[in-house]
Amino acid sequence: MDTTLNEIVVHVDEPVDETLFAELERGIRQDRGVVSVGRHPGREHLMVVVYDADVARASTLLHTFQERGLHAQLIGM
């Protein structure tokens, strides 16, 4: 069985410090289909989410950011 992995970049409007990012990352990793979550040092407002496209959708993942009280949008799509 092949897995189709997709990657999205999410722009978060609010400042995301280390503590909030760790909490957010733990939560998002629990979301159905998420494989990994990361960010680039110096660009804390951008998060990369890799997910199994057979299980999750980009729009659903974006909604989970919003459910956590963050203002976010997908970029580069």
PDB file of N, CA and C in Angstrom:
ATOM      1  N   MET A   1       0.842  -1.179   0.000  1.00  0.00           N
ATOM      2  CA  MET A   1       0.000   0.000   0.000  1.00  0.00           C
ATOM      3  C   MET A   1       0.885   1.238   0.000  1.00  0.00           C
ATOM      4  N   ASP A   2       0.681   2.117  -0.971  1.00  0.00           N
ATOM      5  CA  ASP A   2       1.439   3.351  -1.065  1.00  0.00           C
ATOM      6  C   ASP A   2       0.736   4.458  -0.293  1.00  0.00           C
ATOM      7  N   THR A   3       1.549   5.322   0.298  1.00  0.00           N
ATOM      8  CA  THR A   3       1.027   6.484   1.004  1.00  0.00           C
ATOM      9  C   THR A   3       1.375   7.715   0.190  1.00  0.00           C
ATOM     10  N   THR A   4       0.401   8.575  -0.030  1.00  0.00           N
ATOM     11  CA  THR A   4       0.624   9.819  -0.745  1.00  0.00           C
ATOM     12  C   THR A   4       0.794  10.927   0.276  1.00  0.00           C
ATOM     13  N   LEU A   5       2.023  11.426   0.407  1.00  0.00           N
ATOM     14  CA  LEU A   5       2.288  12.494   1.357  1.00  0.00           C
ATOM     15  C   LEU A   5       2.232  13.839   0.654  1.00  0.00           C
ATOM     16  N   ASN A   6       1.553  14.770   1.289  1.00  0.00           N
ATOM     17  CA  ASN A   6       1.495  16.151   0.818  1.00  0.00           C
ATOM     18  C   ASN A   6       2.046  17.046   1.903  1.00  0.00           C
ATOM     19  N   GLU A   7       2.428  18.232   1.499  1.00  0.00           N
ATOM     20  CA  GLU A   7       2.994  19.211   2.429  1.00  0.00           C
ATOM     21  C   GLU A   7       2.276  20.537   2.233  1.00  0.00           C
ATOM     22  N   ILE A   8       1.910  21.160   3.345  1.00  0.00           N
ATOM     23  CA  ILE A   8       1.334  22.496   3.282  1.00  0.00           C
ATOM     24  C   ILE A   8       2.157  23.431   4.153  1.00  0.00           C
ATOM     25  N   VAL A   9       2.154  24.698   3.778  1.00  0.00           N
ATOM     26  CA  VAL A   9       2.776  25.730   4.603  1.00  0.00           C
ATOM     27  C   VAL A   9       1.639  26.593   5.133  1.00  0.00           C
ATOM     28  N   VAL A  10       1.609  26.740   6.448  1.00  0.00           N
ATOM     29  CA  VAL A  10       0.558  27.507   7.099  1.00  0.00           C
ATOM     30  C   VAL A  10       1.175  28.774   7.678  1.00  0.00           C
ATOM     31  N   HIS A  11       0.596  29.910   7.326  1.00  0.00           N
ATOM     32  CA  HIS A  11       1.026  31.190   7.898  1.00  0.00           C
ATOM     33  C   HIS A  11       0.128  31.481   9.090  1.00  0.00           C
ATOM     34  N   VAL A  12       0.742  31.638  10.267  1.00  0.00           N
ATOM     35  CA  VAL A  12       0.007  31.945  11.493  1.00  0.00           C
ATOM     36  C   VAL A  12       0.227  33.417  11.805  1.00  0.00           C
ATOM     37  N   ASP A  13      -0.864  34.168  11.947  1.00  0.00           N
ATOM     38  CA  ASP A  13      -0.773  35.607  12.178  1.00  0.00           C
ATOM     39  C   ASP A  13      -0.227  35.953  13.566  1.00  0.00           C
ATOM     40  N   GLU A  14      -0.587  35.168  14.571  1.00  0.00           N
ATOM     41  CA  GLU A  14      -0.151  35.447  15.937  1.00  0.00           C
ATOM     42  C   GLU A  14       1.303  35.032  16.144  1.00  0.00           C
ATOM     43  N   PRO A  15       1.998  35.705  17.065  1.00  0.00           N
ATOM     44  CA  PRO A  15       3.351  35.253  17.406  1.00  0.00           C
ATOM     45  C   PRO A  15       3.282  33.869  18.059  1.00  0.00           C
ATOM     46  N   VAL A  16       4.187  33.000  17.656  1.00  0.00           N
ATOM     47  CA  VAL A  16       4.209  31.642  18.193  1.00  0.00           C
ATOM     48  C   VAL A  16       5.566  31.414  18.846  1.00  0.00           C
ATOM     49  N   ASP A  17       5.606  31.520  20.173  1.00  0.00           N
ATOM     50  CA  ASP A  17       6.858  31.290  20.885  1.00  0.00           C
ATOM     51  C   ASP A  17       7.090  29.790  21.052  1.00  0.00           C
ATOM     52  N   GLU A  18       8.225  29.434  21.631  1.00  0.00           N
ATOM     53  CA  GLU A  18       8.595  28.013  21.764  1.00  0.00           C
ATOM     54  C   GLU A  18       7.557  27.207  22.531  1.00  0.00           C
ATOM     55  N   THR A  19       7.037  27.777  23.611  1.00  0.00           N
ATOM     56  CA  THR A  19       6.066  27.054  24.432  1.00  0.00           C
ATOM     57  C   THR A  19       4.776  26.802  23.668  1.00  0.00           C
ATOM     58  N   LEU A  20       4.253  27.844  23.031  1.00  0.00           N
ATOM     59  CA  LEU A  20       3.025  27.701  22.249  1.00  0.00           C
ATOM     60  C   LEU A  20       3.243  26.764  21.073  1.00  0.00           C
ATOM     61  N   PHE A  21       4.406  26.870  20.416  1.00  0.00           N
ATOM     62  CA  PHE A  21       4.663  25.997  19.278  1.00  0.00           C
ATOM     63  C   PHE A  21       4.700  24.535  19.714  1.00  0.00           C
ATOM     64  N   ALA A  22       5.361  24.243  20.834  1.00  0.00           N
ATOM     65  CA  ALA A  22       5.444  22.858  21.317  1.00  0.00           C
ATOM     66  C   ALA A  22       4.046  22.307  21.600  1.00  0.00           C
ATOM     67  N   GLU A  23       3.205  23.126  22.214  1.00  0.00           N
ATOM     68  CA  GLU A  23       1.834  22.713  22.511  1.00  0.00           C
ATOM     69  C   GLU A  23       1.040  22.515  21.220  1.00  0.00           C
ATOM     70  N   LEU A  24       1.169  23.453  20.304  1.00  0.00           N
ATOM     71  CA  LEU A  24       0.481  23.373  19.028  1.00  0.00           C
ATOM     72  C   LEU A  24       0.947  22.160  18.231  1.00  0.00           C
ATOM     73  N   GLU A  25       2.244  21.950  18.209  1.00  0.00           N
ATOM     74  CA  GLU A  25       2.803  20.806  17.475  1.00  0.00           C
ATOM     75  C   GLU A  25       2.277  19.487  18.026  1.00  0.00           C
ATOM     76  N   ARG A  26       2.259  19.344  19.338  1.00  0.00           N
ATOM     77  CA  ARG A  26       1.732  18.112  19.947  1.00  0.00           C
ATOM     78  C   ARG A  26       0.279  17.885  19.528  1.00  0.00           C
ATOM     79  N   GLY A  27      -0.507  18.949  19.569  1.00  0.00           N
ATOM     80  CA  GLY A  27      -1.911  18.818  19.200  1.00  0.00           C
ATOM     81  C   GLY A  27      -2.111  18.468  17.739  1.00  0.00           C
ATOM     82  N   ILE A  28      -1.387  19.146  16.867  1.00  0.00           N
ATOM     83  CA  ILE A  28      -1.543  18.905  15.430  1.00  0.00           C
ATOM     84  C   ILE A  28      -1.046  17.520  15.053  1.00  0.00           C
ATOM     85  N   ARG A  29       0.011  17.056  15.712  1.00  0.00           N
ATOM     86  CA  ARG A  29       0.502  15.694  15.438  1.00  0.00           C
ATOM     87  C   ARG A  29      -0.557  14.632  15.750  1.00  0.00           C
ATOM     88  N   GLN A  30      -1.496  14.965  16.617  1.00  0.00           N
ATOM     89  CA  GLN A  30      -2.580  14.032  16.964  1.00  0.00           C
ATOM     90  C   GLN A  30      -3.697  14.037  15.933  1.00  0.00           C
ATOM     91  N   ASP A  31      -3.710  15.061  15.073  1.00  0.00           N
ATOM     92  CA  ASP A  31      -4.761  15.152  14.067  1.00  0.00           C
ATOM     93  C   ASP A  31      -4.635  14.002  13.073  1.00  0.00           C
ATOM     94  N   ARG A  32      -5.762  13.533  12.637  1.00  0.00           N
ATOM     95  CA  ARG A  32      -5.823  12.391  11.722  1.00  0.00           C
ATOM     96  C   ARG A  32      -5.036  12.682  10.451  1.00  0.00           C
ATOM     97  N   GLY A  33      -4.103  11.793  10.104  1.00  0.00           N
ATOM     98  CA  GLY A  33      -3.352  11.877   8.862  1.00  0.00           C
ATOM     99  C   GLY A  33      -2.064  12.680   8.924  1.00  0.00           C
ATOM    100  N   VAL A  34      -1.815  13.403  10.019  1.00  0.00           N
ATOM    101  CA  VAL A  34      -0.605  14.229  10.109  1.00  0.00           C
ATOM    102  C   VAL A  34       0.604  13.338  10.360  1.00  0.00           C
ATOM    103  N   VAL A  35       1.647  13.572   9.576  1.00  0.00           N
ATOM    104  CA  VAL A  35       2.887  12.812   9.690  1.00  0.00           C
ATOM    105  C   VAL A  35       3.933  13.614  10.461  1.00  0.00           C
ATOM    106  N   SER A  36       4.050  14.918  10.149  1.00  0.00           N
ATOM    107  CA  SER A  36       5.020  15.750  10.860  1.00  0.00           C
ATOM    108  C   SER A  36       4.617  17.212  10.808  1.00  0.00           C
ATOM    109  N   VAL A  37       5.156  17.960  11.773  1.00  0.00           N
ATOM    110  CA  VAL A  37       4.936  19.400  11.867  1.00  0.00           C
ATOM    111  C   VAL A  37       6.287  20.021  12.158  1.00  0.00           C
ATOM    112  N   GLY A  38       6.595  21.128  11.496  1.00  0.00           N
ATOM    113  CA  GLY A  38       7.876  21.783  11.750  1.00  0.00           C
ATOM    114  C   GLY A  38       7.831  23.241  11.353  1.00  0.00           C
ATOM    115  N   ARG A  39       8.918  23.922  11.647  1.00  0.00           N
ATOM    116  CA  ARG A  39       9.038  25.326  11.244  1.00  0.00           C
ATOM    117  C   ARG A  39      10.514  25.659  11.068  1.00  0.00           C
ATOM    118  N   HIS A  40      10.756  26.747  10.405  1.00  0.00           N
ATOM    119  CA  HIS A  40      12.113  27.178  10.110  1.00  0.00           C
ATOM    120  C   HIS A  40      12.515  28.231  11.137  1.00  0.00           C
ATOM    121  N   PRO A  41      13.688  28.081  11.771  1.00  0.00           N
ATOM    122  CA  PRO A  41      14.139  29.100  12.725  1.00  0.00           C
ATOM    123  C   PRO A  41      14.179  30.479  12.070  1.00  0.00           C
ATOM    124  N   GLY A  42      13.671  31.457  12.784  1.00  0.00           N
ATOM    125  CA  GLY A  42      13.612  32.800  12.247  1.00  0.00           C
ATOM    126  C   GLY A  42      12.335  33.096  11.483  1.00  0.00           C
ATOM    127  N   ARG A  43      11.556  32.077  11.237  1.00  0.00           N
ATOM    128  CA  ARG A  43      10.269  32.238  10.544  1.00  0.00           C
ATOM    129  C   ARG A  43       9.192  31.510  11.338  1.00  0.00           C
ATOM    130  N   GLU A  44       9.083  31.891  12.597  1.00  0.00           N
ATOM    131  CA  GLU A  44       8.198  31.190  13.515  1.00  0.00           C
ATOM    132  C   GLU A  44       6.731  31.264  13.122  1.00  0.00           C
ATOM    133  N   HIS A  45       6.378  32.204  12.259  1.00  0.00           N
ATOM    134  CA  HIS A  45       4.986  32.349  11.842  1.00  0.00           C
ATOM    135  C   HIS A  45       4.605  31.377  10.721  1.00  0.00           C
ATOM    136  N   LEU A  46       5.589  30.637  10.189  1.00  0.00           N
ATOM    137  CA  LEU A  46       5.324  29.666   9.140  1.00  0.00           C
ATOM    138  C   LEU A  46       5.501  28.257   9.688  1.00  0.00           C
ATOM    139  N   MET A  47       4.520  27.418   9.449  1.00  0.00           N
ATOM    140  CA  MET A  47       4.594  26.028   9.889  1.00  0.00           C
ATOM    141  C   MET A  47       4.370  25.123   8.691  1.00  0.00           C
ATOM    142  N   VAL A  48       5.147  24.070   8.636  1.00  0.00           N
ATOM    143  CA  VAL A  48       5.026  23.081   7.571  1.00  0.00           C
ATOM    144  C   VAL A  48       4.375  21.842   8.170  1.00  0.00           C
ATOM    145  N   VAL A  49       3.333  21.378   7.513  1.00  0.00           N
ATOM    146  CA  VAL A  49       2.638  20.180   7.960  1.00  0.00           C
ATOM    147  C   VAL A  49       2.679  19.166   6.822  1.00  0.00           C
ATOM    148  N   VAL A  50       3.204  17.992   7.103  1.00  0.00           N
ATOM    149  CA  VAL A  50       3.215  16.890   6.138  1.00  0.00           C
ATOM    150  C   VAL A  50       2.106  15.938   6.566  1.00  0.00           C
ATOM    151  N   TYR A  51       1.287  15.548   5.592  1.00  0.00           N
ATOM    152  CA  TYR A  51       0.147  14.701   5.925  1.00  0.00           C
ATOM    153  C   TYR A  51      -0.108  13.667   4.845  1.00  0.00           C
ATOM    154  N   ASP A  52      -0.827  12.639   5.225  1.00  0.00           N
ATOM    155  CA  ASP A  52      -1.225  11.571   4.319  1.00  0.00           C
ATOM    156  C   ASP A  52      -2.470  12.046   3.569  1.00  0.00           C
ATOM    157  N   ALA A  53      -2.330  12.263   2.276  1.00  0.00           N
ATOM    158  CA  ALA A  53      -3.424  12.801   1.467  1.00  0.00           C
ATOM    159  C   ALA A  53      -4.582  11.820   1.313  1.00  0.00           C
ATOM    160  N   ASP A  54      -4.357  10.554   1.620  1.00  0.00           N
ATOM    161  CA  ASP A  54      -5.438   9.577   1.566  1.00  0.00           C
ATOM    162  C   ASP A  54      -6.326   9.652   2.804  1.00  0.00           C
ATOM    163  N   VAL A  55      -5.843  10.360   3.829  1.00  0.00           N
ATOM    164  CA  VAL A  55      -6.546  10.411   5.112  1.00  0.00           C
ATOM    165  C   VAL A  55      -7.012  11.820   5.464  1.00  0.00           C
ATOM    166  N   ALA A  56      -6.257  12.835   5.095  1.00  0.00           N
ATOM    167  CA  ALA A  56      -6.543  14.213   5.496  1.00  0.00           C
ATOM    168  C   ALA A  56      -6.571  15.137   4.288  1.00  0.00           C
ATOM    169  N   ARG A  57      -7.133  16.321   4.506  1.00  0.00           N
ATOM    170  CA  ARG A  57      -7.180  17.343   3.461  1.00  0.00           C
ATOM    171  C   ARG A  57      -6.562  18.620   4.013  1.00  0.00           C
ATOM    172  N   ALA A  58      -5.977  19.411   3.132  1.00  0.00           N
ATOM    173  CA  ALA A  58      -5.352  20.667   3.544  1.00  0.00           C
ATOM    174  C   ALA A  58      -6.357  21.585   4.229  1.00  0.00           C
ATOM    175  N   SER A  59      -7.551  21.683   3.693  1.00  0.00           N
ATOM    176  CA  SER A  59      -8.565  22.566   4.271  1.00  0.00           C
ATOM    177  C   SER A  59      -8.959  22.130   5.679  1.00  0.00           C
ATOM    178  N   THR A  60      -9.014  20.844   5.908  1.00  0.00           N
ATOM    179  CA  THR A  60      -9.340  20.328   7.238  1.00  0.00           C
ATOM    180  C   THR A  60      -8.225  20.643   8.219  1.00  0.00           C
ATOM    181  N   LEU A  61      -6.978  20.489   7.779  1.00  0.00           N
ATOM    182  CA  LEU A  61      -5.845  20.799   8.655  1.00  0.00           C
ATOM    183  C   LEU A  61      -5.815  22.285   8.989  1.00  0.00           C
ATOM    184  N   LEU A  62      -6.077  23.136   8.011  1.00  0.00           N
ATOM    185  CA  LEU A  62      -6.137  24.570   8.270  1.00  0.00           C
ATOM    186  C   LEU A  62      -7.206  24.869   9.311  1.00  0.00           C
ATOM    187  N   HIS A  63      -8.331  24.220   9.187  1.00  0.00           N
ATOM    188  CA  HIS A  63      -9.424  24.439  10.135  1.00  0.00           C
ATOM    189  C   HIS A  63      -9.004  24.075  11.563  1.00  0.00           C
ATOM    190  N   THR A  64      -8.137  23.075  11.717  1.00  0.00           N
ATOM    191  CA  THR A  64      -7.698  22.703  13.070  1.00  0.00           C
ATOM    192  C   THR A  64      -6.856  23.807  13.704  1.00  0.00           C
ATOM    193  N   PHE A  65      -6.122  24.557  12.902  1.00  0.00           N
ATOM    194  CA  PHE A  65      -5.389  25.717  13.434  1.00  0.00           C
ATOM    195  C   PHE A  65      -6.396  26.745  13.938  1.00  0.00           C
ATOM    196  N   GLN A  66      -7.409  26.976  13.138  1.00  0.00           N
ATOM    197  CA  GLN A  66      -8.425  27.970  13.482  1.00  0.00           C
ATOM    198  C   GLN A  66      -9.229  27.545  14.712  1.00  0.00           C
ATOM    199  N   GLU A  67      -9.493  26.250  14.835  1.00  0.00           N
ATOM    200  CA  GLU A  67     -10.183  25.743  16.020  1.00  0.00           C
ATOM    201  C   GLU A  67      -9.366  25.961  17.290  1.00  0.00           C
ATOM    202  N   ARG A  68      -8.070  26.056  17.137  1.00  0.00           N
ATOM    203  CA  ARG A  68      -7.184  26.296  18.280  1.00  0.00           C
ATOM    204  C   ARG A  68      -7.039  27.793  18.576  1.00  0.00           C
ATOM    205  N   GLY A  69      -7.860  28.603  17.921  1.00  0.00           N
ATOM    206  CA  GLY A  69      -7.883  30.033  18.197  1.00  0.00           C
ATOM    207  C   GLY A  69      -6.855  30.854  17.447  1.00  0.00           C
ATOM    208  N   LEU A  70      -6.233  30.264  16.427  1.00  0.00           N
ATOM    209  CA  LEU A  70      -5.226  30.971  15.657  1.00  0.00           C
ATOM    210  C   LEU A  70      -5.812  31.481  14.344  1.00  0.00           C
ATOM    211  N   HIS A  71      -5.320  32.621  13.904  1.00  0.00           N
ATOM    212  CA  HIS A  71      -5.666  33.145  12.588  1.00  0.00           C
ATOM    213  C   HIS A  71      -4.597  32.641  11.640  1.00  0.00           C
ATOM    214  N   ALA A  72      -4.996  31.784  10.712  1.00  0.00           N
ATOM    215  CA  ALA A  72      -4.015  31.145   9.843  1.00  0.00           C
ATOM    216  C   ALA A  72      -4.585  30.995   8.436  1.00  0.00           C
ATOM    217  N   GLN A  73      -3.658  30.898   7.476  1.00  0.00           N
ATOM    218  CA  GLN A  73      -4.038  30.634   6.097  1.00  0.00           C
ATOM    219  C   GLN A  73      -2.943  29.812   5.423  1.00  0.00           C
ATOM    220  N   LEU A  74      -3.354  29.096   4.386  1.00  0.00           N
ATOM    221  CA  LEU A  74      -2.403  28.317   3.602  1.00  0.00           C
ATOM    222  C   LEU A  74      -1.691  29.264   2.649  1.00  0.00           C
ATOM    223  N   ILE A  75      -0.402  29.043   2.444  1.00  0.00           N
ATOM    224  CA  ILE A  75       0.332  29.855   1.482  1.00  0.00           C
ATOM    225  C   ILE A  75       1.046  28.954   0.491  1.00  0.00           C
ATOM    226  N   GLY A  76       1.323  29.520  -0.667  1.00  0.00           N
ATOM    227  CA  GLY A  76       2.080  28.791  -1.685  1.00  0.00           C
ATOM    228  C   GLY A  76       1.352  27.674  -2.347  1.00  0.00           C
ATOM    229  N   MET A  77       0.046  27.740  -2.364  1.00  0.00           N
ATOM    230  CA  MET A  77      -0.730  26.656  -2.983  1.00  0.00           C
ATOM    231  C   MET A  77      -1.234  27.102  -4.326  1.00  0.00           C
TER     232      MET A  77
END
